[in-house]
Amino acid sequence: MPAAKPDGRVVAEPWTPPRFRRVLTVVAGIYALFVWMDAAGLNLPDKILPLPLRFFLQEAALFPDAARDAIEYRAEGWRCDLGRFEEIDVRPYFPIQRDDKESRLQAAGTLTPRSSACRDSA
C-alpha cells in the first residue's frame, strides 16, 4: 500500500532497491551513449561489443539514405463548363509498373529540365 506523507499526500513506494535503480540508470546512459556513437559513425561500439549486442545499437541508422521529402505529382485540367481546375485521373494513361510499384507519371515528373537525365537525353 502506498505510504502517506504527513501532509496527507499519497506517494507510491518504489519496488526496486536504490542500488538497482542507480545501476539501471548508468546502464541506460551507457546504452544511449553507444547508440549515439553508432549514429555518429564512431567505431568504438564495434570494437568493444560482440555482434549480438551491437544489433541493439544499430537503430539510429536504420534508413541512412531515406528521402527527407516525398514528391507526388498530380495532373490538373481546366473544366470549361465549371470554370475551374480539377484533378485528372491519370491511372489509365500511366499504369503502375509491376517490378517497382512506381507510376510512370511519377517517373516522368522526375525528368525536369534541371535533372541530368533530361539534359543528357537531349
PDB file of N, CA and C in Angstrom:
ATOM      1  N   MET A   1       0.848  -1.177   0.000  1.00  0.00           N
ATOM      2  CA  MET A   1       0.000   0.000   0.000  1.00  0.00           C
ATOM      3  C   MET A   1       0.895   1.242   0.000  1.00  0.00           C
ATOM      4  N   PRO A   2       0.534   2.268  -0.789  1.00  0.00           N
ATOM      5  CA  PRO A   2       1.328   3.492  -0.822  1.00  0.00           C
ATOM      6  C   PRO A   2       1.412   4.150   0.556  1.00  0.00           C
ATOM      7  N   ALA A   3       2.583   4.737   0.822  1.00  0.00           N
ATOM      8  CA  ALA A   3       2.793   5.402   2.100  1.00  0.00           C
ATOM      9  C   ALA A   3       2.189   6.800   2.069  1.00  0.00           C
ATOM     10  N   ALA A   4       1.648   7.224   3.204  1.00  0.00           N
ATOM     11  CA  ALA A   4       1.049   8.552   3.307  1.00  0.00           C
ATOM     12  C   ALA A   4       2.070   9.516   3.903  1.00  0.00           C
ATOM     13  N   LYS A   5       2.205  10.689   3.306  1.00  0.00           N
ATOM     14  CA  LYS A   5       3.087  11.740   3.808  1.00  0.00           C
ATOM     15  C   LYS A   5       2.370  12.468   4.949  1.00  0.00           C
ATOM     16  N   PRO A   6       3.128  13.210   5.763  1.00  0.00           N
ATOM     17  CA  PRO A   6       2.477  13.943   6.865  1.00  0.00           C
ATOM     18  C   PRO A   6       1.434  14.952   6.404  1.00  0.00           C
ATOM     19  N   ASP A   7       1.588  15.500   5.189  1.00  0.00           N
ATOM     20  CA  ASP A   7       0.601  16.485   4.729  1.00  0.00           C
ATOM     21  C   ASP A   7      -0.603  15.841   4.053  1.00  0.00           C
ATOM     22  N   GLY A   8      -0.686  14.513   4.061  1.00  0.00           N
ATOM     23  CA  GLY A   8      -1.850  13.819   3.535  1.00  0.00           C
ATOM     24  C   GLY A   8      -1.697  13.298   2.116  1.00  0.00           C
ATOM     25  N   ARG A   9      -0.577  13.647   1.425  1.00  0.00           N
ATOM     26  CA  ARG A   9      -0.390  13.146   0.061  1.00  0.00           C
ATOM     27  C   ARG A   9       0.016  11.674   0.095  1.00  0.00           C
ATOM     28  N   VAL A  10      -0.396  10.946  -0.922  1.00  0.00           N
ATOM     29  CA  VAL A  10      -0.045   9.537  -1.023  1.00  0.00           C
ATOM     30  C   VAL A  10       1.029   9.399  -2.090  1.00  0.00           C
ATOM     31  N   VAL A  11       2.144   8.752  -1.729  1.00  0.00           N
ATOM     32  CA  VAL A  11       3.265   8.579  -2.635  1.00  0.00           C
ATOM     33  C   VAL A  11       3.512   7.087  -2.819  1.00  0.00           C
ATOM     34  N   ALA A  12       3.670   6.667  -4.070  1.00  0.00           N
ATOM     35  CA  ALA A  12       3.927   5.255  -4.344  1.00  0.00           C
ATOM     36  C   ALA A  12       5.351   4.909  -3.960  1.00  0.00           C
ATOM     37  N   GLU A  13       5.531   3.786  -3.367  1.00  0.00           N
ATOM     38  CA  GLU A  13       6.851   3.307  -2.971  1.00  0.00           C
ATOM     39  C   GLU A  13       7.504   2.601  -4.152  1.00  0.00           C
ATOM     40  N   PRO A  14       8.800   2.821  -4.391  1.00  0.00           N
ATOM     41  CA  PRO A  14       9.475   2.096  -5.471  1.00  0.00           C
ATOM     42  C   PRO A  14       9.578   0.619  -5.118  1.00  0.00           C
ATOM     43  N   TRP A  15       9.495  -0.220  -6.151  1.00  0.00           N
ATOM     44  CA  TRP A  15       9.532  -1.663  -5.909  1.00  0.00           C
ATOM     45  C   TRP A  15      10.935  -2.236  -6.074  1.00  0.00           C
ATOM     46  N   THR A  16      11.899  -1.396  -6.423  1.00  0.00           N
ATOM     47  CA  THR A  16      13.285  -1.862  -6.547  1.00  0.00           C
ATOM     48  C   THR A  16      14.151  -1.137  -5.523  1.00  0.00           C
ATOM     49  N   PRO A  17      15.233  -1.782  -5.111  1.00  0.00           N
ATOM     50  CA  PRO A  17      16.129  -1.115  -4.161  1.00  0.00           C
ATOM     51  C   PRO A  17      16.873   0.039  -4.827  1.00  0.00           C
ATOM     52  N   PRO A  18      17.320   1.023  -4.039  1.00  0.00           N
ATOM     53  CA  PRO A  18      18.010   2.193  -4.615  1.00  0.00           C
ATOM     54  C   PRO A  18      19.254   1.827  -5.418  1.00  0.00           C
ATOM     55  N   ARG A  19      19.999   0.842  -4.988  1.00  0.00           N
ATOM     56  CA  ARG A  19      21.213   0.450  -5.711  1.00  0.00           C
ATOM     57  C   ARG A  19      20.884  -0.061  -7.114  1.00  0.00           C
ATOM     58  N   PHE A  20      19.824  -0.859  -7.237  1.00  0.00           N
ATOM     59  CA  PHE A  20      19.413  -1.373  -8.539  1.00  0.00           C
ATOM     60  C   PHE A  20      19.002  -0.233  -9.464  1.00  0.00           C
ATOM     61  N   ARG A  21      18.289   0.767  -8.928  1.00  0.00           N
ATOM     62  CA  ARG A  21      17.871   1.915  -9.740  1.00  0.00           C
ATOM     63  C   ARG A  21      19.071   2.711 -10.239  1.00  0.00           C
ATOM     64  N   ARG A  22      20.072   2.865  -9.398  1.00  0.00           N
ATOM     65  CA  ARG A  22      21.284   3.579  -9.815  1.00  0.00           C
ATOM     66  C   ARG A  22      22.022   2.816 -10.914  1.00  0.00           C
ATOM     67  N   VAL A  23      22.159   1.515 -10.731  1.00  0.00           N
ATOM     68  CA  VAL A  23      22.838   0.693 -11.748  1.00  0.00           C
ATOM     69  C   VAL A  23      22.068   0.736 -13.060  1.00  0.00           C
ATOM     70  N   LEU A  24      20.752   0.650 -12.994  1.00  0.00           N
ATOM     71  CA  LEU A  24      19.932   0.696 -14.204  1.00  0.00           C
ATOM     72  C   LEU A  24      20.058   2.054 -14.904  1.00  0.00           C
ATOM     73  N   THR A  25      20.160   3.131 -14.148  1.00  0.00           N
ATOM     74  CA  THR A  25      20.352   4.453 -14.734  1.00  0.00           C
ATOM     75  C   THR A  25      21.685   4.551 -15.453  1.00  0.00           C
ATOM     76  N   VAL A  26      22.735   3.997 -14.868  1.00  0.00           N
ATOM     77  CA  VAL A  26      24.057   4.006 -15.501  1.00  0.00           C
ATOM     78  C   VAL A  26      24.048   3.164 -16.779  1.00  0.00           C
ATOM     79  N   VAL A  27      23.434   1.988 -16.718  1.00  0.00           N
ATOM     80  CA  VAL A  27      23.361   1.122 -17.905  1.00  0.00           C
ATOM     81  C   VAL A  27      22.566   1.810 -19.016  1.00  0.00           C
ATOM     82  N   ALA A  28      21.470   2.487 -18.682  1.00  0.00           N
ATOM     83  CA  ALA A  28      20.675   3.199 -19.697  1.00  0.00           C
ATOM     84  C   ALA A  28      21.475   4.339 -20.303  1.00  0.00           C
ATOM     85  N   GLY A  29      22.262   5.038 -19.487  1.00  0.00           N
ATOM     86  CA  GLY A  29      23.099   6.115 -20.009  1.00  0.00           C
ATOM     87  C   GLY A  29      24.182   5.598 -20.948  1.00  0.00           C
ATOM     88  N   ILE A  30      24.801   4.483 -20.589  1.00  0.00           N
ATOM     89  CA  ILE A  30      25.815   3.880 -21.463  1.00  0.00           C
ATOM     90  C   ILE A  30      25.176   3.418 -22.771  1.00  0.00           C
ATOM     91  N   TYR A  31      23.985   2.840 -22.691  1.00  0.00           N
ATOM     92  CA  TYR A  31      23.285   2.399 -23.899  1.00  0.00           C
ATOM     93  C   TYR A  31      22.992   3.590 -24.821  1.00  0.00           C
ATOM     94  N   ALA A  32      22.478   4.686 -24.241  1.00  0.00           N
ATOM     95  CA  ALA A  32      22.178   5.868 -25.053  1.00  0.00           C
ATOM     96  C   ALA A  32      23.457   6.439 -25.663  1.00  0.00           C
ATOM     97  N   LEU A  33      24.554   6.417 -24.913  1.00  0.00           N
ATOM     98  CA  LEU A  33      25.830   6.894 -25.436  1.00  0.00           C
ATOM     99  C   LEU A  33      26.299   6.026 -26.597  1.00  0.00           C
ATOM    100  N   PHE A  34      26.170   4.706 -26.480  1.00  0.00           N
ATOM    101  CA  PHE A  34      26.591   3.801 -27.559  1.00  0.00           C
ATOM    102  C   PHE A  34      25.715   3.960 -28.794  1.00  0.00           C
ATOM    103  N   VAL A  35      24.403   4.184 -28.612  1.00  0.00           N
ATOM    104  CA  VAL A  35      23.523   4.424 -29.764  1.00  0.00           C
ATOM    105  C   VAL A  35      23.947   5.703 -30.477  1.00  0.00           C
ATOM    106  N   TRP A  36      24.237   6.741 -29.703  1.00  0.00           N
ATOM    107  CA  TRP A  36      24.687   8.000 -30.295  1.00  0.00           C
ATOM    108  C   TRP A  36      26.012   7.808 -31.022  1.00  0.00           C
ATOM    109  N   MET A  37      26.939   7.077 -30.427  1.00  0.00           N
ATOM    110  CA  MET A  37      28.246   6.857 -31.057  1.00  0.00           C
ATOM    111  C   MET A  37      28.099   6.069 -32.360  1.00  0.00           C
ATOM    112  N   ASP A  38      27.187   5.106 -32.391  1.00  0.00           N
ATOM    113  CA  ASP A  38      26.960   4.350 -33.622  1.00  0.00           C
ATOM    114  C   ASP A  38      26.354   5.238 -34.698  1.00  0.00           C
ATOM    115  N   ALA A  39      25.421   6.114 -34.307  1.00  0.00           N
ATOM    116  CA  ALA A  39      24.791   7.020 -35.284  1.00  0.00           C
ATOM    117  C   ALA A  39      25.786   8.055 -35.786  1.00  0.00           C
ATOM    118  N   ALA A  40      26.725   8.464 -34.942  1.00  0.00           N
ATOM    119  CA  ALA A  40      27.708   9.462 -35.331  1.00  0.00           C
ATOM    120  C   ALA A  40      28.826   8.876 -36.183  1.00  0.00           C
ATOM    121  N   GLY A  41      28.859   7.562 -36.306  1.00  0.00           N
ATOM    122  CA  GLY A  41      29.875   6.929 -37.139  1.00  0.00           C
ATOM    123  C   GLY A  41      31.159   6.584 -36.411  1.00  0.00           C
ATOM    124  N   LEU A  42      31.155   6.687 -35.088  1.00  0.00           N
ATOM    125  CA  LEU A  42      32.333   6.289 -34.311  1.00  0.00           C
ATOM    126  C   LEU A  42      32.370   4.767 -34.227  1.00  0.00           C
ATOM    127  N   ASN A  43      33.529   4.184 -34.322  1.00  0.00           N
ATOM    128  CA  ASN A  43      33.651   2.727 -34.373  1.00  0.00           C
ATOM    129  C   ASN A  43      33.890   2.095 -33.015  1.00  0.00           C
ATOM    130  N   LEU A  44      33.812   2.845 -31.948  1.00  0.00           N
ATOM    131  CA  LEU A  44      34.082   2.293 -30.624  1.00  0.00           C
ATOM    132  C   LEU A  44      33.122   1.163 -30.242  1.00  0.00           C
ATOM    133  N   PRO A  45      31.800   1.302 -30.433  1.00  0.00           N
ATOM    134  CA  PRO A  45      30.922   0.172 -30.098  1.00  0.00           C
ATOM    135  C   PRO A  45      31.244  -1.084 -30.911  1.00  0.00           C
ATOM    136  N   ASP A  46      31.673  -0.923 -32.161  1.00  0.00           N
ATOM    137  CA  ASP A  46      32.019  -2.086 -32.980  1.00  0.00           C
ATOM    138  C   ASP A  46      33.257  -2.800 -32.449  1.00  0.00           C
ATOM    139  N   LYS A  47      34.162  -2.048 -31.870  1.00  0.00           N
ATOM    140  CA  LYS A  47      35.388  -2.641 -31.348  1.00  0.00           C
ATOM    141  C   LYS A  47      35.185  -3.288 -29.987  1.00  0.00           C
ATOM    142  N   ILE A  48      34.271  -2.742 -29.188  1.00  0.00           N
ATOM    143  CA  ILE A  48      34.111  -3.208 -27.806  1.00  0.00           C
ATOM    144  C   ILE A  48      33.091  -4.335 -27.690  1.00  0.00           C
ATOM    145  N   LEU A  49      31.944  -4.179 -28.330  1.00  0.00           N
ATOM    146  CA  LEU A  49      30.815  -5.088 -28.097  1.00  0.00           C
ATOM    147  C   LEU A  49      30.794  -6.247 -29.073  1.00  0.00           C
ATOM    148  N   PRO A  50      30.321  -7.410 -28.625  1.00  0.00           N
ATOM    149  CA  PRO A  50      30.131  -8.534 -29.556  1.00  0.00           C
ATOM    150  C   PRO A  50      28.934  -8.270 -30.478  1.00  0.00           C
ATOM    151  N   LEU A  51      28.867  -9.002 -31.562  1.00  0.00           N
ATOM    152  CA  LEU A  51      27.852  -8.792 -32.593  1.00  0.00           C
ATOM    153  C   LEU A  51      26.416  -8.859 -32.065  1.00  0.00           C
ATOM    154  N   PRO A  52      26.042  -9.817 -31.199  1.00  0.00           N
ATOM    155  CA  PRO A  52      24.648  -9.832 -30.719  1.00  0.00           C
ATOM    156  C   PRO A  52      24.246  -8.561 -29.972  1.00  0.00           C
ATOM    157  N   LEU A  53      25.173  -7.938 -29.241  1.00  0.00           N
ATOM    158  CA  LEU A  53      24.836  -6.699 -28.549  1.00  0.00           C
ATOM    159  C   LEU A  53      24.834  -5.503 -29.493  1.00  0.00           C
ATOM    160  N   ARG A  54      25.692  -5.525 -30.496  1.00  0.00           N
ATOM    161  CA  ARG A  54      25.712  -4.428 -31.472  1.00  0.00           C
ATOM    162  C   ARG A  54      24.412  -4.333 -32.243  1.00  0.00           C
ATOM    163  N   PHE A  55      23.707  -5.443 -32.393  1.00  0.00           N
ATOM    164  CA  PHE A  55      22.422  -5.460 -33.096  1.00  0.00           C
ATOM    165  C   PHE A  55      21.445  -4.456 -32.482  1.00  0.00           C
ATOM    166  N   PHE A  56      21.460  -4.329 -31.159  1.00  0.00           N
ATOM    167  CA  PHE A  56      20.516  -3.447 -30.475  1.00  0.00           C
ATOM    168  C   PHE A  56      20.949  -1.984 -30.510  1.00  0.00           C
ATOM    169  N   LEU A  57      22.146  -1.705 -30.982  1.00  0.00           N
ATOM    170  CA  LEU A  57      22.624  -0.329 -31.055  1.00  0.00           C
ATOM    171  C   LEU A  57      22.431   0.286 -32.426  1.00  0.00           C
ATOM    172  N   GLN A  58      22.154  -0.497 -33.424  1.00  0.00           N
ATOM    173  CA  GLN A  58      22.139  -0.015 -34.798  1.00  0.00           C
ATOM    174  C   GLN A  58      20.786   0.545 -35.216  1.00  0.00           C
ATOM    175  N   GLU A  59      19.998   0.991 -34.288  1.00  0.00           N
ATOM    176  CA  GLU A  59      18.674   1.518 -34.609  1.00  0.00           C
ATOM    177  C   GLU A  59      18.719   2.944 -35.115  1.00  0.00           C
ATOM    178  N   ALA A  60      19.761   3.682 -34.782  1.00  0.00           N
ATOM    179  CA  ALA A  60      19.805   5.090 -35.146  1.00  0.00           C
ATOM    180  C   ALA A  60      20.030   5.295 -36.637  1.00  0.00           C
ATOM    181  N   ALA A  61      20.585   4.324 -37.328  1.00  0.00           N
ATOM    182  CA  ALA A  61      20.877   4.470 -38.751  1.00  0.00           C
ATOM    183  C   ALA A  61      20.151   3.405 -39.568  1.00  0.00           C
ATOM    184  N   LEU A  62      18.888   3.167 -39.240  1.00  0.00           N
ATOM    185  CA  LEU A  62      18.140   2.148 -39.979  1.00  0.00           C
ATOM    186  C   LEU A  62      17.932   2.546 -41.432  1.00  0.00           C
ATOM    187  N   PHE A  63      17.661   3.819 -41.677  1.00  0.00           N
ATOM    188  CA  PHE A  63      17.404   4.290 -43.027  1.00  0.00           C
ATOM    189  C   PHE A  63      18.306   5.485 -43.326  1.00  0.00           C
ATOM    190  N   PRO A  64      19.603   5.248 -43.526  1.00  0.00           N
ATOM    191  CA  PRO A  64      20.504   6.390 -43.720  1.00  0.00           C
ATOM    192  C   PRO A  64      20.286   7.118 -45.039  1.00  0.00           C
ATOM    193  N   ASP A  65      19.754   6.455 -46.051  1.00  0.00           N
ATOM    194  CA  ASP A  65      19.563   7.078 -47.353  1.00  0.00           C
ATOM    195  C   ASP A  65      18.102   7.389 -47.643  1.00  0.00           C
ATOM    196  N   ALA A  66      17.285   7.435 -46.616  1.00  0.00           N
ATOM    197  CA  ALA A  66      15.857   7.691 -46.820  1.00  0.00           C
ATOM    198  C   ALA A  66      15.642   9.134 -47.279  1.00  0.00           C
ATOM    199  N   ALA A  67      14.653   9.309 -48.112  1.00  0.00           N
ATOM    200  CA  ALA A  67      14.338  10.650 -48.604  1.00  0.00           C
ATOM    201  C   ALA A  67      13.721  11.473 -47.480  1.00  0.00           C
ATOM    202  N   ARG A  68      14.099  12.722 -47.408  1.00  0.00           N
ATOM    203  CA  ARG A  68      13.550  13.598 -46.367  1.00  0.00           C
ATOM    204  C   ARG A  68      12.163  14.110 -46.770  1.00  0.00           C
ATOM    205  N   ASP A  69      11.927  14.251 -48.058  1.00  0.00           N
ATOM    206  CA  ASP A  69      10.637  14.738 -48.549  1.00  0.00           C
ATOM    207  C   ASP A  69      10.116  13.770 -49.605  1.00  0.00           C
ATOM    208  N   ALA A  70       8.817  13.680 -49.697  1.00  0.00           N
ATOM    209  CA  ALA A  70       8.189  12.875 -50.740  1.00  0.00           C
ATOM    210  C   ALA A  70       7.522  13.801 -51.741  1.00  0.00           C
ATOM    211  N   ILE A  71       7.747  13.542 -53.002  1.00  0.00           N
ATOM    212  CA  ILE A  71       7.153  14.361 -54.056  1.00  0.00           C
ATOM    213  C   ILE A  71       6.115  13.513 -54.766  1.00  0.00           C
ATOM    214  N   GLU A  72       4.922  14.048 -54.860  1.00  0.00           N
ATOM    215  CA  GLU A  72       3.852  13.347 -55.552  1.00  0.00           C
ATOM    216  C   GLU A  72       3.331  14.274 -56.643  1.00  0.00           C
ATOM    217  N   TYR A  73       3.407  13.805 -57.863  1.00  0.00           N
ATOM    218  CA  TYR A  73       2.967  14.617 -58.992  1.00  0.00           C
ATOM    219  C   TYR A  73       1.494  14.351 -59.273  1.00  0.00           C
ATOM    220  N   ARG A  74       0.769  15.416 -59.579  1.00  0.00           N
ATOM    221  CA  ARG A  74      -0.649  15.318 -59.926  1.00  0.00           C
ATOM    222  C   ARG A  74      -0.888  16.121 -61.194  1.00  0.00           C
ATOM    223  N   ALA A  75      -1.926  15.750 -61.893  1.00  0.00           N
ATOM    224  CA  ALA A  75      -2.274  16.470 -63.127  1.00  0.00           C
ATOM    225  C   ALA A  75      -3.641  17.114 -62.941  1.00  0.00           C
ATOM    226  N   GLU A  76      -3.726  18.365 -63.359  1.00  0.00           N
ATOM    227  CA  GLU A  76      -4.991  19.086 -63.289  1.00  0.00           C
ATOM    228  C   GLU A  76      -5.347  19.607 -64.672  1.00  0.00           C
ATOM    229  N   GLY A  77      -6.616  19.659 -64.936  1.00  0.00           N
ATOM    230  CA  GLY A  77      -7.101  20.189 -66.207  1.00  0.00           C
ATOM    231  C   GLY A  77      -8.211  21.203 -65.977  1.00  0.00           C
ATOM    232  N   TRP A  78      -8.334  22.122 -66.900  1.00  0.00           N
ATOM    233  CA  TRP A  78      -9.339  23.191 -66.785  1.00  0.00           C
ATOM    234  C   TRP A  78     -10.673  22.689 -67.291  1.00  0.00           C
ATOM    235  N   ARG A  79     -11.701  22.777 -66.453  1.00  0.00           N
ATOM    236  CA  ARG A  79     -13.057  22.425 -66.854  1.00  0.00           C
ATOM    237  C   ARG A  79     -13.749  23.691 -67.319  1.00  0.00           C
ATOM    238  N   CYS A  80     -13.970  23.782 -68.638  1.00  0.00           N
ATOM    239  CA  CYS A  80     -14.581  24.990 -69.205  1.00  0.00           C
ATOM    240  C   CYS A  80     -16.001  25.198 -68.689  1.00  0.00           C
ATOM    241  N   ASP A  81     -16.756  24.088 -68.549  1.00  0.00           N
ATOM    242  CA  ASP A  81     -18.151  24.231 -68.124  1.00  0.00           C
ATOM    243  C   ASP A  81     -18.265  24.678 -66.667  1.00  0.00           C
ATOM    244  N   LEU A  82     -17.298  24.318 -65.825  1.00  0.00           N
ATOM    245  CA  LEU A  82     -17.341  24.713 -64.426  1.00  0.00           C
ATOM    246  C   LEU A  82     -16.478  25.940 -64.146  1.00  0.00           C
ATOM    247  N   GLY A  83     -15.565  26.240 -65.064  1.00  0.00           N
ATOM    248  CA  GLY A  83     -14.701  27.393 -64.892  1.00  0.00           C
ATOM    249  C   GLY A  83     -13.671  27.236 -63.785  1.00  0.00           C
ATOM    250  N   ARG A  84     -13.146  26.026 -63.604  1.00  0.00           N
ATOM    251  CA  ARG A  84     -12.136  25.802 -62.560  1.00  0.00           C
ATOM    252  C   ARG A  84     -11.252  24.611 -62.945  1.00  0.00           C
ATOM    253  N   PHE A  85     -10.142  24.482 -62.235  1.00  0.00           N
ATOM    254  CA  PHE A  85      -9.259  23.341 -62.426  1.00  0.00           C
ATOM    255  C   PHE A  85      -9.760  22.166 -61.605  1.00  0.00           C
ATOM    256  N   GLU A  86      -9.627  20.962 -62.164  1.00  0.00           N
ATOM    257  CA  GLU A  86      -9.953  19.733 -61.447  1.00  0.00           C
ATOM    258  C   GLU A  86      -8.852  18.718 -61.693  1.00  0.00           C
ATOM    259  N   GLU A  87      -8.655  17.857 -60.715  1.00  0.00           N
ATOM    260  CA  GLU A  87      -7.621  16.834 -60.844  1.00  0.00           C
ATOM    261  C   GLU A  87      -8.059  15.784 -61.866  1.00  0.00           C
ATOM    262  N   ILE A  88      -7.113  15.387 -62.705  1.00  0.00           N
ATOM    263  CA  ILE A  88      -7.372  14.385 -63.736  1.00  0.00           C
ATOM    264  C   ILE A  88      -6.875  13.039 -63.231  1.00  0.00           C
ATOM    265  N   ASP A  89      -7.669  12.009 -63.415  1.00  0.00           N
ATOM    266  CA  ASP A  89      -7.249  10.657 -63.055  1.00  0.00           C
ATOM    267  C   ASP A  89      -6.333  10.144 -64.165  1.00  0.00           C
ATOM    268  N   VAL A  90      -5.050  10.033 -63.877  1.00  0.00           N
ATOM    269  CA  VAL A  90      -4.065   9.647 -64.895  1.00  0.00           C
ATOM    270  C   VAL A  90      -3.737   8.159 -64.852  1.00  0.00           C
ATOM    271  N   ARG A  91      -4.394   7.407 -63.982  1.00  0.00           N
ATOM    272  CA  ARG A  91      -4.070   5.979 -63.865  1.00  0.00           C
ATOM    273  C   ARG A  91      -4.234   5.210 -65.169  1.00  0.00           C
ATOM    274  N   PRO A  92      -5.247   5.484 -65.995  1.00  0.00           N
ATOM    275  CA  PRO A  92      -5.339   4.726 -67.249  1.00  0.00           C
ATOM    276  C   PRO A  92      -4.188   5.049 -68.221  1.00  0.00           C
ATOM    277  N   TYR A  93      -3.634   6.230 -68.124  1.00  0.00           N
ATOM    278  CA  TYR A  93      -2.597   6.653 -69.063  1.00  0.00           C
ATOM    279  C   TYR A  93      -1.182   6.359 -68.559  1.00  0.00           C
ATOM    280  N   PHE A  94      -1.041   6.233 -67.255  1.00  0.00           N
ATOM    281  CA  PHE A  94       0.260   5.962 -66.639  1.00  0.00           C
ATOM    282  C   PHE A  94       0.121   4.775 -65.692  1.00  0.00           C
ATOM    283  N   PRO A  95       0.138   3.559 -66.218  1.00  0.00           N
ATOM    284  CA  PRO A  95      -0.051   2.395 -65.345  1.00  0.00           C
ATOM    285  C   PRO A  95       1.129   2.203 -64.385  1.00  0.00           C
ATOM    286  N   ILE A  96       0.856   1.514 -63.304  1.00  0.00           N
ATOM    287  CA  ILE A  96       1.894   1.211 -62.315  1.00  0.00           C
ATOM    288  C   ILE A  96       2.744   0.058 -62.848  1.00  0.00           C
ATOM    289  N   GLN A  97       4.058   0.199 -62.762  1.00  0.00           N
ATOM    290  CA  GLN A  97       4.950  -0.877 -63.190  1.00  0.00           C
ATOM    291  C   GLN A  97       4.970  -1.965 -62.122  1.00  0.00           C
ATOM    292  N   ARG A  98       4.923  -3.207 -62.546  1.00  0.00           N
ATOM    293  CA  ARG A  98       4.846  -4.310 -61.595  1.00  0.00           C
ATOM    294  C   ARG A  98       6.105  -4.463 -60.747  1.00  0.00           C
ATOM    295  N   ASP A  99       7.267  -4.247 -61.340  1.00  0.00           N
ATOM    296  CA  ASP A  99       8.511  -4.521 -60.633  1.00  0.00           C
ATOM    297  C   ASP A  99       8.796  -3.523 -59.514  1.00  0.00           C
ATOM    298  N   ASP A 100       8.554  -2.248 -59.746  1.00  0.00           N
ATOM    299  CA  ASP A 100       8.941  -1.259 -58.739  1.00  0.00           C
ATOM    300  C   ASP A 100       7.763  -0.492 -58.148  1.00  0.00           C
ATOM    301  N   LYS A 101       6.541  -0.805 -58.527  1.00  0.00           N
ATOM    302  CA  LYS A 101       5.341  -0.181 -57.981  1.00  0.00           C
ATOM    303  C   LYS A 101       5.362   1.343 -58.111  1.00  0.00           C
ATOM    304  N   GLU A 102       5.965   1.832 -59.163  1.00  0.00           N
ATOM    305  CA  GLU A 102       6.051   3.266 -59.381  1.00  0.00           C
ATOM    306  C   GLU A 102       5.233   3.640 -60.605  1.00  0.00           C
ATOM    307  N   SER A 103       4.457   4.685 -60.470  1.00  0.00           N
ATOM    308  CA  SER A 103       3.684   5.165 -61.599  1.00  0.00           C
ATOM    309  C   SER A 103       4.617   5.809 -62.620  1.00  0.00           C
ATOM    310  N   ARG A 104       4.297   5.649 -63.881  1.00  0.00           N
ATOM    311  CA  ARG A 104       5.125   6.269 -64.923  1.00  0.00           C
ATOM    312  C   ARG A 104       5.016   7.790 -64.871  1.00  0.00           C
ATOM    313  N   LEU A 105       3.904   8.314 -64.338  1.00  0.00           N
ATOM    314  CA  LEU A 105       3.774   9.754 -64.168  1.00  0.00           C
ATOM    315  C   LEU A 105       4.792  10.248 -63.148  1.00  0.00           C
ATOM    316  N   GLN A 106       4.973   9.518 -62.055  1.00  0.00           N
ATOM    317  CA  GLN A 106       5.970   9.907 -61.061  1.00  0.00           C
ATOM    318  C   GLN A 106       7.367   9.860 -61.663  1.00  0.00           C
ATOM    319  N   ALA A 107       7.641   8.841 -62.475  1.00  0.00           N
ATOM    320  CA  ALA A 107       8.952   8.737 -63.116  1.00  0.00           C
ATOM    321  C   ALA A 107       9.160   9.866 -64.123  1.00  0.00           C
ATOM    322  N   ALA A 108       8.115  10.207 -64.871  1.00  0.00           N
ATOM    323  CA  ALA A 108       8.232  11.294 -65.839  1.00  0.00           C
ATOM    324  C   ALA A 108       8.368  12.638 -65.139  1.00  0.00           C
ATOM    325  N   GLY A 109       7.773  12.764 -63.968  1.00  0.00           N
ATOM    326  CA  GLY A 109       7.864  14.012 -63.233  1.00  0.00           C
ATOM    327  C   GLY A 109       9.254  14.291 -62.708  1.00  0.00           C
ATOM    328  N   THR A 110      10.049  13.255 -62.528  1.00  0.00           N
ATOM    329  CA  THR A 110      11.417  13.470 -62.045  1.00  0.00           C
ATOM    330  C   THR A 110      12.325  13.998 -63.141  1.00  0.00           C
ATOM    331  N   LEU A 111      11.904  13.902 -64.389  1.00  0.00           N
ATOM    332  CA  LEU A 111      12.719  14.392 -65.503  1.00  0.00           C
ATOM    333  C   LEU A 111      12.414  15.862 -65.754  1.00  0.00           C
ATOM    334  N   THR A 112      12.932  16.690 -64.936  1.00  0.00           N
ATOM    335  CA  THR A 112      12.756  18.126 -65.082  1.00  0.00           C
ATOM    336  C   THR A 112      13.923  18.686 -65.863  1.00  0.00           C
ATOM    337  N   PRO A 113      13.832  19.884 -66.378  1.00  0.00           N
ATOM    338  CA  PRO A 113      14.945  20.452 -67.130  1.00  0.00           C
ATOM    339  C   PRO A 113      16.228  20.569 -66.303  1.00  0.00           C
ATOM    340  N   ARG A 114      16.134  20.562 -64.978  1.00  0.00           N
ATOM    341  CA  ARG A 114      17.330  20.648 -64.148  1.00  0.00           C
ATOM    342  C   ARG A 114      17.986  19.300 -63.907  1.00  0.00           C
ATOM    343  N   SER A 115      17.286  18.199 -64.182  1.00  0.00           N
ATOM    344  CA  SER A 115      17.859  16.892 -63.894  1.00  0.00           C
ATOM    345  C   SER A 115      18.855  16.504 -64.979  1.00  0.00           C
ATOM    346  N   SER A 116      19.887  15.761 -64.575  1.00  0.00           N
ATOM    347  CA  SER A 116      20.920  15.361 -65.524  1.00  0.00           C
ATOM    348  C   SER A 116      20.390  14.361 -66.534  1.00  0.00           C
ATOM    349  N   ALA A 117      19.409  13.539 -66.169  1.00  0.00           N
ATOM    350  CA  ALA A 117      18.859  12.567 -67.109  1.00  0.00           C
ATOM    351  C   ALA A 117      18.155  13.255 -68.274  1.00  0.00           C
ATOM    352  N   CYS A 118      17.488  14.359 -67.987  1.00  0.00           N
ATOM    353  CA  CYS A 118      16.796  15.111 -69.034  1.00  0.00           C
ATOM    354  C   CYS A 118      17.797  15.833 -69.928  1.00  0.00           C
ATOM    355  N   ARG A 119      18.833  16.403 -69.321  1.00  0.00           N
ATOM    356  CA  ARG A 119      19.836  17.125 -70.111  1.00  0.00           C
ATOM    357  C   ARG A 119      20.644  16.188 -70.997  1.00  0.00           C
ATOM    358  N   ASP A 120      20.969  14.997 -70.482  1.00  0.00           N
ATOM    359  CA  ASP A 120      21.795  14.064 -71.238  1.00  0.00           C
ATOM    360  C   ASP A 120      21.040  13.436 -72.408  1.00  0.00           C
ATOM    361  N   SER A 121      19.705  13.373 -72.300  1.00  0.00           N
ATOM    362  CA  SER A 121      18.940  12.740 -73.378  1.00  0.00           C
ATOM    363  C   SER A 121      18.695  13.693 -74.542  1.00  0.00           C
ATOM    364  N   ALA A 122      18.883  14.960 -74.328  1.00  0.00           N
ATOM    365  CA  ALA A 122      18.621  15.946 -75.398  1.00  0.00           C
ATOM    366  C   ALA A 122      19.727  16.002 -76.414  1.00  0.00           C
TER     367      ALA A 122
END
